[in-house]
Amino acid sequence: MLFQIGEREDVVKYLGMLRTKLLQDFNVLKGKENEVSFAFVVDFPLFELGNDGSLGAVHHPFTKPKDEDIPFVKALGKKLRE
């Protein structure tokens, strides 16, 4: 079991680095370098409210909130779908 405490951005960054290191150290991906896998994320919180009040993509820039959620995102900011 592993716990990490800190700012969300730091936690995500360092746990991602740890995951990558463990995969390499234990040869989990050996022989699967050319394998392609797909995942579809539906209704996942991909946005956060910036310090200046603007809405930004957390995961990647090619996402958009559902049109019906835009008023809620503006009103509630980061509390929406946490």
PDB file of N, CA and C in Angstrom:
ATOM      1  N   MET A   1       0.856  -1.144   0.000  1.00  0.00           N
ATOM      2  CA  MET A   1       0.000   0.000   0.000  1.00  0.00           C
ATOM      3  C   MET A   1       0.911   1.218   0.000  1.00  0.00           C
ATOM      4  N   LEU A   2       0.503   2.236  -0.737  1.00  0.00           N
ATOM      5  CA  LEU A   2       1.304   3.445  -0.878  1.00  0.00           C
ATOM      6  C   LEU A   2       0.405   4.659  -0.723  1.00  0.00           C
ATOM      7  N   PHE A   3       0.854   5.592   0.086  1.00  0.00           N
ATOM      8  CA  PHE A   3       0.133   6.846   0.263  1.00  0.00           C
ATOM      9  C   PHE A   3       1.076   7.985  -0.069  1.00  0.00           C
ATOM     10  N   GLN A   4       0.564   9.016  -0.691  1.00  0.00           N
ATOM     11  CA  GLN A   4       1.367  10.204  -0.936  1.00  0.00           C
ATOM     12  C   GLN A   4       0.513  11.412  -0.608  1.00  0.00           C
ATOM     13  N   ILE A   5       1.111  12.341   0.094  1.00  0.00           N
ATOM     14  CA  ILE A   5       0.408  13.555   0.509  1.00  0.00           C
ATOM     15  C   ILE A   5       1.124  14.752  -0.093  1.00  0.00           C
ATOM     16  N   GLY A   6       0.363  15.710  -0.582  1.00  0.00           N
ATOM     17  CA  GLY A   6       0.955  16.925  -1.129  1.00  0.00           C
ATOM     18  C   GLY A   6       0.000  17.603  -2.080  1.00  0.00           C
ATOM     19  N   GLU A   7       0.510  18.553  -2.800  1.00  0.00           N
ATOM     20  CA  GLU A   7      -0.282  19.238  -3.816  1.00  0.00           C
ATOM     21  C   GLU A   7      -0.644  18.239  -4.910  1.00  0.00           C
ATOM     22  N   ARG A   8      -1.865  18.313  -5.407  1.00  0.00           N
ATOM     23  CA  ARG A   8      -2.353  17.342  -6.386  1.00  0.00           C
ATOM     24  C   ARG A   8      -1.398  17.191  -7.567  1.00  0.00           C
ATOM     25  N   GLU A   9      -0.936  18.312  -8.111  1.00  0.00           N
ATOM     26  CA  GLU A   9      -0.055  18.257  -9.281  1.00  0.00           C
ATOM     27  C   GLU A   9       1.227  17.485  -8.970  1.00  0.00           C
ATOM     28  N   ASP A  10       1.790  17.712  -7.773  1.00  0.00           N
ATOM     29  CA  ASP A  10       3.009  17.008  -7.374  1.00  0.00           C
ATOM     30  C   ASP A  10       2.745  15.524  -7.160  1.00  0.00           C
ATOM     31  N   VAL A  11       1.637  15.210  -6.491  1.00  0.00           N
ATOM     32  CA  VAL A  11       1.291  13.811  -6.227  1.00  0.00           C
ATOM     33  C   VAL A  11       1.138  13.054  -7.537  1.00  0.00           C
ATOM     34  N   VAL A  12       0.393  13.605  -8.471  1.00  0.00           N
ATOM     35  CA  VAL A  12       0.177  12.949  -9.765  1.00  0.00           C
ATOM     36  C   VAL A  12       1.499  12.781 -10.509  1.00  0.00           C
ATOM     37  N   LYS A  13       2.312  13.819 -10.508  1.00  0.00           N
ATOM     38  CA  LYS A  13       3.598  13.778 -11.212  1.00  0.00           C
ATOM     39  C   LYS A  13       4.500  12.684 -10.642  1.00  0.00           C
ATOM     40  N   TYR A  14       4.683  12.669  -9.317  1.00  0.00           N
ATOM     41  CA  TYR A  14       5.629  11.729  -8.713  1.00  0.00           C
ATOM     42  C   TYR A  14       5.109  10.295  -8.694  1.00  0.00           C
ATOM     43  N   LEU A  15       3.809  10.106  -8.526  1.00  0.00           N
ATOM     44  CA  LEU A  15       3.274   8.744  -8.620  1.00  0.00           C
ATOM     45  C   LEU A  15       3.393   8.221 -10.044  1.00  0.00           C
ATOM     46  N   GLY A  16       3.236   9.081 -11.031  1.00  0.00           N
ATOM     47  CA  GLY A  16       3.438   8.678 -12.424  1.00  0.00           C
ATOM     48  C   GLY A  16       4.873   8.274 -12.686  1.00  0.00           C
ATOM     49  N   MET A  17       5.814   9.038 -12.123  1.00  0.00           N
ATOM     50  CA  MET A  17       7.230   8.694 -12.275  1.00  0.00           C
ATOM     51  C   MET A  17       7.536   7.356 -11.597  1.00  0.00           C
ATOM     52  N   LEU A  18       6.956   7.138 -10.413  1.00  0.00           N
ATOM     53  CA  LEU A  18       7.160   5.877  -9.700  1.00  0.00           C
ATOM     54  C   LEU A  18       6.582   4.710 -10.495  1.00  0.00           C
ATOM     55  N   ARG A  19       5.381   4.884 -11.035  1.00  0.00           N
ATOM     56  CA  ARG A  19       4.752   3.830 -11.839  1.00  0.00           C
ATOM     57  C   ARG A  19       5.635   3.462 -13.024  1.00  0.00           C
ATOM     58  N   THR A  20       6.147   4.465 -13.720  1.00  0.00           N
ATOM     59  CA  THR A  20       7.018   4.216 -14.870  1.00  0.00           C
ATOM     60  C   THR A  20       8.286   3.484 -14.459  1.00  0.00           C
ATOM     61  N   LYS A  21       8.895   3.901 -13.355  1.00  0.00           N
ATOM     62  CA  LYS A  21      10.128   3.270 -12.863  1.00  0.00           C
ATOM     63  C   LYS A  21       9.876   1.814 -12.480  1.00  0.00           C
ATOM     64  N   LEU A  22       8.780   1.538 -11.791  1.00  0.00           N
ATOM     65  CA  LEU A  22       8.467   0.159 -11.399  1.00  0.00           C
ATOM     66  C   LEU A  22       8.215  -0.720 -12.621  1.00  0.00           C
ATOM     67  N   LEU A  23       7.515  -0.197 -13.621  1.00  0.00           N
ATOM     68  CA  LEU A  23       7.286  -0.959 -14.851  1.00  0.00           C
ATOM     69  C   LEU A  23       8.607  -1.315 -15.523  1.00  0.00           C
ATOM     70  N   GLN A  24       9.538  -0.372 -15.531  1.00  0.00           N
ATOM     71  CA  GLN A  24      10.854  -0.624 -16.132  1.00  0.00           C
ATOM     72  C   GLN A  24      11.658  -1.617 -15.297  1.00  0.00           C
ATOM     73  N   ASP A  25      11.705  -1.414 -13.984  1.00  0.00           N
ATOM     74  CA  ASP A  25      12.513  -2.267 -13.105  1.00  0.00           C
ATOM     75  C   ASP A  25      12.045  -3.717 -13.103  1.00  0.00           C
ATOM     76  N   PHE A  26      10.741  -3.929 -13.196  1.00  0.00           N
ATOM     77  CA  PHE A  26      10.197  -5.285 -13.165  1.00  0.00           C
ATOM     78  C   PHE A  26       9.912  -5.837 -14.559  1.00  0.00           C
ATOM     79  N   ASN A  27      10.388  -5.159 -15.588  1.00  0.00           N
ATOM     80  CA  ASN A  27      10.235  -5.597 -16.980  1.00  0.00           C
ATOM     81  C   ASN A  27       8.790  -5.936 -17.346  1.00  0.00           C
ATOM     82  N   VAL A  28       7.871  -5.181 -16.825  1.00  0.00           N
ATOM     83  CA  VAL A  28       6.450  -5.429 -17.089  1.00  0.00           C
ATOM     84  C   VAL A  28       6.125  -5.223 -18.561  1.00  0.00           C
ATOM     85  N   LEU A  29       6.790  -4.291 -19.193  1.00  0.00           N
ATOM     86  CA  LEU A  29       6.483  -3.976 -20.588  1.00  0.00           C
ATOM     87  C   LEU A  29       7.369  -4.712 -21.579  1.00  0.00           C
ATOM     88  N   LYS A  30       8.249  -5.574 -21.102  1.00  0.00           N
ATOM     89  CA  LYS A  30       9.171  -6.289 -21.981  1.00  0.00           C
ATOM     90  C   LYS A  30       8.380  -7.092 -23.010  1.00  0.00           C
ATOM     91  N   GLY A  31       8.660  -6.876 -24.275  1.00  0.00           N
ATOM     92  CA  GLY A  31       7.978  -7.577 -25.352  1.00  0.00           C
ATOM     93  C   GLY A  31       6.655  -6.948 -25.754  1.00  0.00           C
ATOM     94  N   LYS A  32       6.250  -5.902 -25.058  1.00  0.00           N
ATOM     95  CA  LYS A  32       4.976  -5.245 -25.366  1.00  0.00           C
ATOM     96  C   LYS A  32       5.188  -3.813 -25.856  1.00  0.00           C
ATOM     97  N   GLU A  33       6.413  -3.495 -26.252  1.00  0.00           N
ATOM     98  CA  GLU A  33       6.727  -2.128 -26.656  1.00  0.00           C
ATOM     99  C   GLU A  33       5.879  -1.646 -27.825  1.00  0.00           C
ATOM    100  N   ASN A  34       5.480  -2.541 -28.707  1.00  0.00           N
ATOM    101  CA  ASN A  34       4.695  -2.160 -29.884  1.00  0.00           C
ATOM    102  C   ASN A  34       3.208  -2.458 -29.730  1.00  0.00           C
ATOM    103  N   GLU A  35       2.795  -2.842 -28.549  1.00  0.00           N
ATOM    104  CA  GLU A  35       1.392  -3.153 -28.290  1.00  0.00           C
ATOM    105  C   GLU A  35       0.598  -1.852 -28.150  1.00  0.00           C
ATOM    106  N   VAL A  36      -0.598  -1.848 -28.698  1.00  0.00           N
ATOM    107  CA  VAL A  36      -1.462  -0.679 -28.613  1.00  0.00           C
ATOM    108  C   VAL A  36      -2.708  -1.057 -27.823  1.00  0.00           C
ATOM    109  N   SER A  37      -3.059  -0.241 -26.845  1.00  0.00           N
ATOM    110  CA  SER A  37      -4.263  -0.459 -26.045  1.00  0.00           C
ATOM    111  C   SER A  37      -5.073   0.827 -26.053  1.00  0.00           C
ATOM    112  N   PHE A  38      -6.367   0.696 -25.956  1.00  0.00           N
ATOM    113  CA  PHE A  38      -7.234   1.861 -25.993  1.00  0.00           C
ATOM    114  C   PHE A  38      -8.042   1.953 -24.716  1.00  0.00           C
ATOM    115  N   ALA A  39      -8.357   3.181 -24.325  1.00  0.00           N
ATOM    116  CA  ALA A  39      -9.215   3.430 -23.169  1.00  0.00           C
ATOM    117  C   ALA A  39     -10.121   4.608 -23.506  1.00  0.00           C
ATOM    118  N   PHE A  40     -11.357   4.510 -23.096  1.00  0.00           N
ATOM    119  CA  PHE A  40     -12.305   5.592 -23.304  1.00  0.00           C
ATOM    120  C   PHE A  40     -12.757   6.090 -21.942  1.00  0.00           C
ATOM    121  N   VAL A  41     -12.488   7.349 -21.649  1.00  0.00           N
ATOM    122  CA  VAL A  41     -12.888   7.955 -20.386  1.00  0.00           C
ATOM    123  C   VAL A  41     -14.162   8.746 -20.643  1.00  0.00           C
ATOM    124  N   VAL A  42     -15.206   8.450 -19.876  1.00  0.00           N
ATOM    125  CA  VAL A  42     -16.499   9.106 -20.043  1.00  0.00           C
ATOM    126  C   VAL A  42     -16.863   9.805 -18.736  1.00  0.00           C
ATOM    127  N   ASP A  43     -17.236  11.077 -18.824  1.00  0.00           N
ATOM    128  CA  ASP A  43     -17.639  11.868 -17.656  1.00  0.00           C
ATOM    129  C   ASP A  43     -16.583  11.875 -16.564  1.00  0.00           C
ATOM    130  N   PHE A  44     -15.335  12.035 -16.936  1.00  0.00           N
ATOM    131  CA  PHE A  44     -14.230  12.072 -15.986  1.00  0.00           C
ATOM    132  C   PHE A  44     -13.818  13.525 -15.780  1.00  0.00           C
ATOM    133  N   PRO A  45     -13.475  13.922 -14.560  1.00  0.00           N
ATOM    134  CA  PRO A  45     -13.099  15.331 -14.336  1.00  0.00           C
ATOM    135  C   PRO A  45     -11.757  15.661 -14.974  1.00  0.00           C
ATOM    136  N   LEU A  46     -11.797  16.284 -16.141  1.00  0.00           N
ATOM    137  CA  LEU A  46     -10.582  16.592 -16.885  1.00  0.00           C
ATOM    138  C   LEU A  46     -10.196  18.062 -16.814  1.00  0.00           C
ATOM    139  N   PHE A  47     -10.916  18.846 -16.016  1.00  0.00           N
ATOM    140  CA  PHE A  47     -10.683  20.284 -15.997  1.00  0.00           C
ATOM    141  C   PHE A  47     -10.471  20.787 -14.584  1.00  0.00           C
ATOM    142  N   GLU A  48      -9.752  21.911 -14.483  1.00  0.00           N
ATOM    143  CA  GLU A  48      -9.598  22.570 -13.197  1.00  0.00           C
ATOM    144  C   GLU A  48      -9.641  24.076 -13.410  1.00  0.00           C
ATOM    145  N   LEU A  49      -9.992  24.759 -12.351  1.00  0.00           N
ATOM    146  CA  LEU A  49     -10.066  26.207 -12.402  1.00  0.00           C
ATOM    147  C   LEU A  49      -8.695  26.766 -12.057  1.00  0.00           C
ATOM    148  N   GLY A  50      -8.139  27.600 -12.925  1.00  0.00           N
ATOM    149  CA  GLY A  50      -6.829  28.199 -12.694  1.00  0.00           C
ATOM    150  C   GLY A  50      -6.887  29.311 -11.664  1.00  0.00           C
ATOM    151  N   ASN A  51      -5.725  29.763 -11.219  1.00  0.00           N
ATOM    152  CA  ASN A  51      -5.644  30.843 -10.234  1.00  0.00           C
ATOM    153  C   ASN A  51      -6.296  32.123 -10.726  1.00  0.00           C
ATOM    154  N   ASP A  52      -6.319  32.316 -12.032  1.00  0.00           N
ATOM    155  CA  ASP A  52      -6.929  33.515 -12.606  1.00  0.00           C
ATOM    156  C   ASP A  52      -8.413  33.336 -12.908  1.00  0.00           C
ATOM    157  N   GLY A  53      -8.975  32.175 -12.522  1.00  0.00           N
ATOM    158  CA  GLY A  53     -10.389  31.917 -12.749  1.00  0.00           C
ATOM    159  C   GLY A  53     -10.710  31.279 -14.078  1.00  0.00           C
ATOM    160  N   SER A  54      -9.698  31.035 -14.894  1.00  0.00           N
ATOM    161  CA  SER A  54      -9.946  30.417 -16.200  1.00  0.00           C
ATOM    162  C   SER A  54     -10.027  28.899 -16.068  1.00  0.00           C
ATOM    163  N   LEU A  55     -10.746  28.287 -16.978  1.00  0.00           N
ATOM    164  CA  LEU A  55     -10.912  26.842 -16.994  1.00  0.00           C
ATOM    165  C   LEU A  55      -9.835  26.233 -17.876  1.00  0.00           C
ATOM    166  N   GLY A  56      -9.099  25.256 -17.348  1.00  0.00           N
ATOM    167  CA  GLY A  56      -8.029  24.628 -18.119  1.00  0.00           C
ATOM    168  C   GLY A  56      -8.120  23.120 -18.082  1.00  0.00           C
ATOM    169  N   ALA A  57      -7.593  22.498 -19.120  1.00  0.00           N
ATOM    170  CA  ALA A  57      -7.579  21.039 -19.194  1.00  0.00           C
ATOM    171  C   ALA A  57      -6.514  20.491 -18.252  1.00  0.00           C
ATOM    172  N   VAL A  58      -6.867  19.495 -17.466  1.00  0.00           N
ATOM    173  CA  VAL A  58      -5.924  18.853 -16.557  1.00  0.00           C
ATOM    174  C   VAL A  58      -5.180  17.748 -17.291  1.00  0.00           C
ATOM    175  N   HIS A  59      -5.892  16.994 -18.119  1.00  0.00           N
ATOM    176  CA  HIS A  59      -5.307  15.814 -18.756  1.00  0.00           C
ATOM    177  C   HIS A  59      -4.667  16.137 -20.097  1.00  0.00           C
ATOM    178  N   HIS A  60      -5.400  16.712 -20.991  1.00  0.00           N
ATOM    179  CA  HIS A  60      -4.861  17.103 -22.287  1.00  0.00           C
ATOM    180  C   HIS A  60      -5.721  18.225 -22.865  1.00  0.00           C
ATOM    181  N   PRO A  61      -5.185  19.000 -23.790  1.00  0.00           N
ATOM    182  CA  PRO A  61      -5.891  20.187 -24.263  1.00  0.00           C
ATOM    183  C   PRO A  61      -7.005  19.936 -25.274  1.00  0.00           C
ATOM    184  N   PHE A  62      -7.227  18.706 -25.670  1.00  0.00           N
ATOM    185  CA  PHE A  62      -8.233  18.433 -26.695  1.00  0.00           C
ATOM    186  C   PHE A  62      -9.532  17.933 -26.080  1.00  0.00           C
ATOM    187  N   THR A  63      -9.925  18.539 -24.974  1.00  0.00           N
ATOM    188  CA  THR A  63     -11.163  18.173 -24.303  1.00  0.00           C
ATOM    189  C   THR A  63     -12.002  19.423 -24.101  1.00  0.00           C
ATOM    190  N   LYS A  64     -13.276  19.213 -23.897  1.00  0.00           N
ATOM    191  CA  LYS A  64     -14.192  20.329 -23.699  1.00  0.00           C
ATOM    192  C   LYS A  64     -15.279  19.860 -22.740  1.00  0.00           C
ATOM    193  N   PRO A  65     -15.661  20.681 -21.774  1.00  0.00           N
ATOM    194  CA  PRO A  65     -16.759  20.265 -20.901  1.00  0.00           C
ATOM    195  C   PRO A  65     -18.051  20.144 -21.704  1.00  0.00           C
ATOM    196  N   LYS A  66     -18.937  19.307 -21.231  1.00  0.00           N
ATOM    197  CA  LYS A  66     -20.243  19.206 -21.883  1.00  0.00           C
ATOM    198  C   LYS A  66     -20.913  20.574 -21.823  1.00  0.00           C
ATOM    199  N   ASP A  67     -21.617  20.924 -22.891  1.00  0.00           N
ATOM    200  CA  ASP A  67     -22.259  22.238 -22.961  1.00  0.00           C
ATOM    201  C   ASP A  67     -23.160  22.501 -21.759  1.00  0.00           C
ATOM    202  N   GLU A  68     -23.880  21.478 -21.325  1.00  0.00           N
ATOM    203  CA  GLU A  68     -24.793  21.674 -20.200  1.00  0.00           C
ATOM    204  C   GLU A  68     -24.052  21.851 -18.871  1.00  0.00           C
ATOM    205  N   ASP A  69     -22.756  21.510 -18.823  1.00  0.00           N
ATOM    206  CA  ASP A  69     -21.973  21.661 -17.594  1.00  0.00           C
ATOM    207  C   ASP A  69     -21.257  23.002 -17.493  1.00  0.00           C
ATOM    208  N   ILE A  70     -21.158  23.749 -18.585  1.00  0.00           N
ATOM    209  CA  ILE A  70     -20.385  24.997 -18.574  1.00  0.00           C
ATOM    210  C   ILE A  70     -20.869  25.979 -17.505  1.00  0.00           C
ATOM    211  N   PRO A  71     -22.175  26.215 -17.345  1.00  0.00           N
ATOM    212  CA  PRO A  71     -22.603  27.137 -16.280  1.00  0.00           C
ATOM    213  C   PRO A  71     -22.196  26.650 -14.887  1.00  0.00           C
ATOM    214  N   PHE A  72     -22.243  25.340 -14.662  1.00  0.00           N
ATOM    215  CA  PHE A  72     -21.856  24.790 -13.364  1.00  0.00           C
ATOM    216  C   PHE A  72     -20.358  24.928 -13.130  1.00  0.00           C
ATOM    217  N   VAL A  73     -19.578  24.706 -14.177  1.00  0.00           N
ATOM    218  CA  VAL A  73     -18.122  24.842 -14.063  1.00  0.00           C
ATOM    219  C   VAL A  73     -17.764  26.273 -13.691  1.00  0.00           C
ATOM    220  N   LYS A  74     -18.396  27.212 -14.338  1.00  0.00           N
ATOM    221  CA  LYS A  74     -18.116  28.620 -14.039  1.00  0.00           C
ATOM    222  C   LYS A  74     -18.577  28.988 -12.633  1.00  0.00           C
ATOM    223  N   ALA A  75     -19.712  28.432 -12.201  1.00  0.00           N
ATOM    224  CA  ALA A  75     -20.263  28.775 -10.893  1.00  0.00           C
ATOM    225  C   ALA A  75     -19.532  28.074  -9.743  1.00  0.00           C
ATOM    226  N   LEU A  76     -19.191  26.827  -9.939  1.00  0.00           N
ATOM    227  CA  LEU A  76     -18.616  26.046  -8.848  1.00  0.00           C
ATOM    228  C   LEU A  76     -17.118  25.841  -8.953  1.00  0.00           C
ATOM    229  N   GLY A  77     -16.569  26.103 -10.121  1.00  0.00           N
ATOM    230  CA  GLY A  77     -15.130  25.946 -10.290  1.00  0.00           C
ATOM    231  C   GLY A  77     -14.665  24.534 -10.018  1.00  0.00           C
ATOM    232  N   LYS A  78     -13.598  24.407  -9.258  1.00  0.00           N
ATOM    233  CA  LYS A  78     -12.970  23.107  -9.056  1.00  0.00           C
ATOM    234  C   LYS A  78     -13.795  22.152  -8.199  1.00  0.00           C
ATOM    235  N   LYS A  79     -14.846  22.626  -7.524  1.00  0.00           N
ATOM    236  CA  LYS A  79     -15.657  21.727  -6.701  1.00  0.00           C
ATOM    237  C   LYS A  79     -16.546  20.820  -7.544  1.00  0.00           C
ATOM    238  N   LEU A  80     -16.749  21.183  -8.799  1.00  0.00           N
ATOM    239  CA  LEU A  80     -17.597  20.400  -9.684  1.00  0.00           C
ATOM    240  C   LEU A  80     -16.945  19.070 -10.005  1.00  0.00           C
ATOM    241  N   ARG A  81     -17.621  18.002  -9.738  1.00  0.00           N
ATOM    242  CA  ARG A  81     -17.185  16.635 -10.037  1.00  0.00           C
ATOM    243  C   ARG A  81     -15.866  16.257  -9.382  1.00  0.00           C
ATOM    244  N   GLU A  82     -15.567  16.794  -8.211  1.00  0.00           N
ATOM    245  CA  GLU A  82     -14.350  16.382  -7.508  1.00  0.00           C
ATOM    246  C   GLU A  82     -14.538  15.018  -6.912  1.00  0.00           C
TER     247      GLU A  82
END
